[in-house]
Amino acid sequence: MNRFEGPGSKEARIRYLDGDFQVMTPGSFVRCAITGESIPLDELKYWSVARQEPYVSAAVSLQREIDVNPDLRRRGRP
């Protein structure tokens, strides 16, 4: 059993804000919008306010931004 299974553990519903988030439905974790991995609320650091999506890491967040905004690939290149 992983640490998110068992009695009392359920997925939270979150409203993502600039620099903070608001718990709409209590729970102990959210799922990464890209990988599906569970993210404990006390470890949640990366999300998109515009898309209302949580991400498991900075790398996943960056990849999502690049996927949504392909022009970002060309930035910094001559």
N, C-alpha and C. Protein backbone atom coordinates (compact mmCIF):
# COMPACT_ATOMS: atom_id res chain seq x y z
N MET A 1 0.85 -1.18 0.00
CA MET A 1 0.00 0.00 0.00
C MET A 1 0.89 1.24 0.00
N ASN A 2 0.60 2.19 -0.88
CA ASN A 2 1.39 3.43 -0.86
C ASN A 2 0.82 4.38 0.18
N ARG A 3 1.51 5.49 0.41
CA ARG A 3 1.11 6.36 1.50
C ARG A 3 -0.18 7.13 1.26
N PHE A 4 -0.75 7.03 0.06
CA PHE A 4 -2.00 7.72 -0.23
C PHE A 4 -3.20 6.80 -0.19
N GLU A 5 -2.97 5.53 0.04
CA GLU A 5 -4.07 4.59 0.11
C GLU A 5 -4.48 4.39 1.55
N GLY A 6 -5.70 3.91 1.72
CA GLY A 6 -6.15 3.61 3.06
C GLY A 6 -7.23 4.58 3.50
N PRO A 7 -7.73 4.38 4.70
CA PRO A 7 -8.84 5.20 5.19
C PRO A 7 -8.44 6.66 5.35
N GLY A 8 -9.33 7.53 4.94
CA GLY A 8 -9.11 8.96 5.13
C GLY A 8 -8.28 9.64 4.07
N SER A 9 -7.62 8.88 3.20
CA SER A 9 -6.82 9.54 2.17
C SER A 9 -7.64 9.67 0.90
N LYS A 10 -7.83 10.90 0.49
CA LYS A 10 -8.55 11.12 -0.76
C LYS A 10 -7.96 12.32 -1.46
N GLU A 11 -8.27 12.42 -2.73
CA GLU A 11 -7.75 13.51 -3.54
C GLU A 11 -8.47 14.81 -3.21
N ALA A 12 -7.70 15.86 -3.01
CA ALA A 12 -8.25 17.18 -2.73
C ALA A 12 -8.65 17.86 -4.04
N ARG A 13 -9.58 18.77 -3.94
CA ARG A 13 -9.93 19.64 -5.07
C ARG A 13 -9.40 21.02 -4.72
N ILE A 14 -8.60 21.58 -5.61
CA ILE A 14 -7.86 22.80 -5.32
C ILE A 14 -8.17 23.89 -6.33
N ARG A 15 -8.21 25.12 -5.87
CA ARG A 15 -8.26 26.30 -6.75
C ARG A 15 -6.87 26.92 -6.68
N TYR A 16 -6.17 26.96 -7.81
CA TYR A 16 -4.80 27.44 -7.86
C TYR A 16 -4.78 28.95 -8.07
N LEU A 17 -4.07 29.64 -7.21
CA LEU A 17 -3.97 31.09 -7.23
C LEU A 17 -2.51 31.49 -7.47
N ASP A 18 -2.27 32.77 -7.64
CA ASP A 18 -0.90 33.27 -7.79
C ASP A 18 -0.18 33.13 -6.46
N GLY A 19 0.80 32.22 -6.40
CA GLY A 19 1.61 32.06 -5.21
C GLY A 19 0.94 31.33 -4.05
N ASP A 20 -0.26 30.82 -4.25
CA ASP A 20 -0.98 30.13 -3.19
C ASP A 20 -2.06 29.27 -3.83
N PHE A 21 -2.71 28.48 -3.01
CA PHE A 21 -3.85 27.71 -3.50
C PHE A 21 -4.90 27.62 -2.41
N GLN A 22 -6.12 27.39 -2.83
CA GLN A 22 -7.25 27.30 -1.91
C GLN A 22 -7.85 25.90 -2.01
N VAL A 23 -7.98 25.24 -0.87
CA VAL A 23 -8.56 23.90 -0.84
C VAL A 23 -10.07 24.04 -0.92
N MET A 24 -10.65 23.51 -1.99
CA MET A 24 -12.10 23.56 -2.19
C MET A 24 -12.77 22.34 -1.57
N THR A 25 -12.14 21.17 -1.74
CA THR A 25 -12.62 19.93 -1.14
C THR A 25 -11.42 19.30 -0.44
N PRO A 26 -11.52 19.10 0.88
CA PRO A 26 -10.38 18.56 1.63
C PRO A 26 -9.91 17.21 1.11
N GLY A 27 -8.63 17.00 1.23
CA GLY A 27 -7.99 15.75 0.85
C GLY A 27 -6.52 15.84 1.22
N SER A 28 -5.80 14.76 1.00
CA SER A 28 -4.40 14.75 1.39
C SER A 28 -3.44 14.94 0.22
N PHE A 29 -3.95 14.88 -1.01
CA PHE A 29 -3.07 14.99 -2.18
C PHE A 29 -3.84 15.45 -3.40
N VAL A 30 -3.07 15.81 -4.45
CA VAL A 30 -3.61 16.08 -5.79
C VAL A 30 -2.80 15.23 -6.76
N ARG A 31 -3.28 15.09 -7.97
CA ARG A 31 -2.56 14.32 -8.99
C ARG A 31 -1.97 15.28 -10.03
N CYS A 32 -0.73 15.01 -10.38
CA CYS A 32 -0.06 15.80 -11.43
C CYS A 32 -0.88 15.69 -12.71
N ALA A 33 -1.15 16.83 -13.33
CA ALA A 33 -1.96 16.86 -14.55
C ALA A 33 -1.29 16.14 -15.71
N ILE A 34 0.02 15.98 -15.68
CA ILE A 34 0.74 15.37 -16.79
C ILE A 34 1.11 13.92 -16.51
N THR A 35 1.70 13.65 -15.35
CA THR A 35 2.18 12.31 -15.05
C THR A 35 1.18 11.44 -14.31
N GLY A 36 0.21 12.07 -13.65
CA GLY A 36 -0.75 11.32 -12.84
C GLY A 36 -0.22 10.94 -11.47
N GLU A 37 1.02 11.34 -11.16
CA GLU A 37 1.60 11.03 -9.85
C GLU A 37 0.87 11.79 -8.75
N SER A 38 0.78 11.17 -7.59
CA SER A 38 0.20 11.82 -6.42
C SER A 38 1.18 12.82 -5.84
N ILE A 39 0.67 13.99 -5.47
CA ILE A 39 1.49 15.03 -4.85
C ILE A 39 0.85 15.38 -3.51
N PRO A 40 1.52 15.09 -2.39
CA PRO A 40 0.98 15.49 -1.10
C PRO A 40 0.81 17.01 -1.06
N LEU A 41 -0.27 17.49 -0.45
CA LEU A 41 -0.52 18.93 -0.42
C LEU A 41 0.63 19.70 0.21
N ASP A 42 1.29 19.12 1.20
CA ASP A 42 2.40 19.84 1.84
C ASP A 42 3.66 19.86 0.97
N GLU A 43 3.65 19.16 -0.16
CA GLU A 43 4.77 19.17 -1.09
C GLU A 43 4.42 19.84 -2.42
N LEU A 44 3.20 20.34 -2.55
CA LEU A 44 2.75 20.97 -3.80
C LEU A 44 3.42 22.33 -3.98
N LYS A 45 4.22 22.46 -5.04
CA LYS A 45 4.97 23.69 -5.30
C LYS A 45 4.75 24.25 -6.70
N TYR A 46 4.30 23.43 -7.63
CA TYR A 46 4.22 23.85 -9.04
C TYR A 46 2.82 23.67 -9.58
N TRP A 47 2.28 24.72 -10.19
CA TRP A 47 0.96 24.66 -10.80
C TRP A 47 0.80 25.79 -11.79
N SER A 48 -0.24 25.68 -12.60
CA SER A 48 -0.60 26.74 -13.55
C SER A 48 -1.92 27.35 -13.10
N VAL A 49 -1.90 28.65 -12.87
CA VAL A 49 -3.14 29.35 -12.52
C VAL A 49 -4.06 29.37 -13.75
N ALA A 50 -3.50 29.65 -14.91
CA ALA A 50 -4.29 29.76 -16.14
C ALA A 50 -5.00 28.45 -16.48
N ARG A 51 -4.30 27.33 -16.32
CA ARG A 51 -4.88 26.02 -16.68
C ARG A 51 -5.45 25.27 -15.48
N GLN A 52 -5.20 25.80 -14.27
CA GLN A 52 -5.66 25.16 -13.04
C GLN A 52 -5.18 23.70 -12.98
N GLU A 53 -3.86 23.53 -13.20
CA GLU A 53 -3.24 22.21 -13.22
C GLU A 53 -2.06 22.16 -12.24
N PRO A 54 -1.95 21.09 -11.44
CA PRO A 54 -0.76 20.90 -10.61
C PRO A 54 0.29 20.06 -11.33
N TYR A 55 1.55 20.26 -10.96
CA TYR A 55 2.65 19.51 -11.56
C TYR A 55 3.56 18.96 -10.47
N VAL A 56 4.11 17.79 -10.71
CA VAL A 56 4.93 17.11 -9.72
C VAL A 56 6.31 17.73 -9.56
N SER A 57 6.82 18.43 -10.58
CA SER A 57 8.16 19.01 -10.51
C SER A 57 8.27 20.23 -11.43
N ALA A 58 9.36 20.97 -11.25
CA ALA A 58 9.63 22.12 -12.11
C ALA A 58 9.84 21.68 -13.56
N ALA A 59 10.52 20.54 -13.74
CA ALA A 59 10.78 20.04 -15.09
C ALA A 59 9.48 19.71 -15.82
N VAL A 60 8.55 19.09 -15.12
CA VAL A 60 7.25 18.75 -15.73
C VAL A 60 6.47 20.03 -16.04
N SER A 61 6.53 21.00 -15.13
CA SER A 61 5.85 22.29 -15.35
C SER A 61 6.41 23.00 -16.58
N LEU A 62 7.74 23.03 -16.70
CA LEU A 62 8.38 23.66 -17.86
C LEU A 62 8.00 22.94 -19.16
N GLN A 63 8.03 21.63 -19.14
CA GLN A 63 7.68 20.88 -20.34
C GLN A 63 6.25 21.17 -20.77
N ARG A 64 5.34 21.27 -19.80
CA ARG A 64 3.94 21.60 -20.11
C ARG A 64 3.84 22.98 -20.75
N GLU A 65 4.58 23.96 -20.20
CA GLU A 65 4.58 25.30 -20.78
C GLU A 65 5.08 25.29 -22.22
N ILE A 66 6.13 24.53 -22.47
CA ILE A 66 6.68 24.44 -23.82
C ILE A 66 5.69 23.74 -24.75
N ASP A 67 5.03 22.70 -24.26
CA ASP A 67 4.03 22.01 -25.08
C ASP A 67 2.87 22.93 -25.45
N VAL A 68 2.45 23.76 -24.52
CA VAL A 68 1.32 24.67 -24.75
C VAL A 68 1.75 25.89 -25.56
N ASN A 69 3.00 26.32 -25.36
CA ASN A 69 3.53 27.52 -26.03
C ASN A 69 4.80 27.16 -26.81
N PRO A 70 4.69 26.53 -27.98
CA PRO A 70 5.88 26.09 -28.72
C PRO A 70 6.88 27.20 -29.03
N ASP A 71 6.43 28.45 -29.07
CA ASP A 71 7.35 29.57 -29.34
C ASP A 71 8.42 29.69 -28.25
N LEU A 72 8.16 29.15 -27.06
CA LEU A 72 9.16 29.21 -25.99
C LEU A 72 10.42 28.43 -26.34
N ARG A 73 10.31 27.45 -27.21
CA ARG A 73 11.48 26.67 -27.64
C ARG A 73 12.51 27.56 -28.34
N ARG A 74 12.02 28.57 -29.04
CA ARG A 74 12.90 29.41 -29.85
C ARG A 74 13.50 30.58 -29.06
N ARG A 75 13.02 30.84 -27.87
CA ARG A 75 13.54 31.96 -27.08
C ARG A 75 14.99 31.72 -26.72
N GLY A 76 15.77 32.77 -26.82
CA GLY A 76 17.18 32.68 -26.48
C GLY A 76 18.05 32.17 -27.61
N ARG A 77 17.42 31.79 -28.72
CA ARG A 77 18.17 31.33 -29.88
C ARG A 77 18.16 32.42 -30.95
N PRO A 78 19.26 32.61 -31.63
CA PRO A 78 19.30 33.65 -32.68
C PRO A 78 18.44 33.30 -33.87
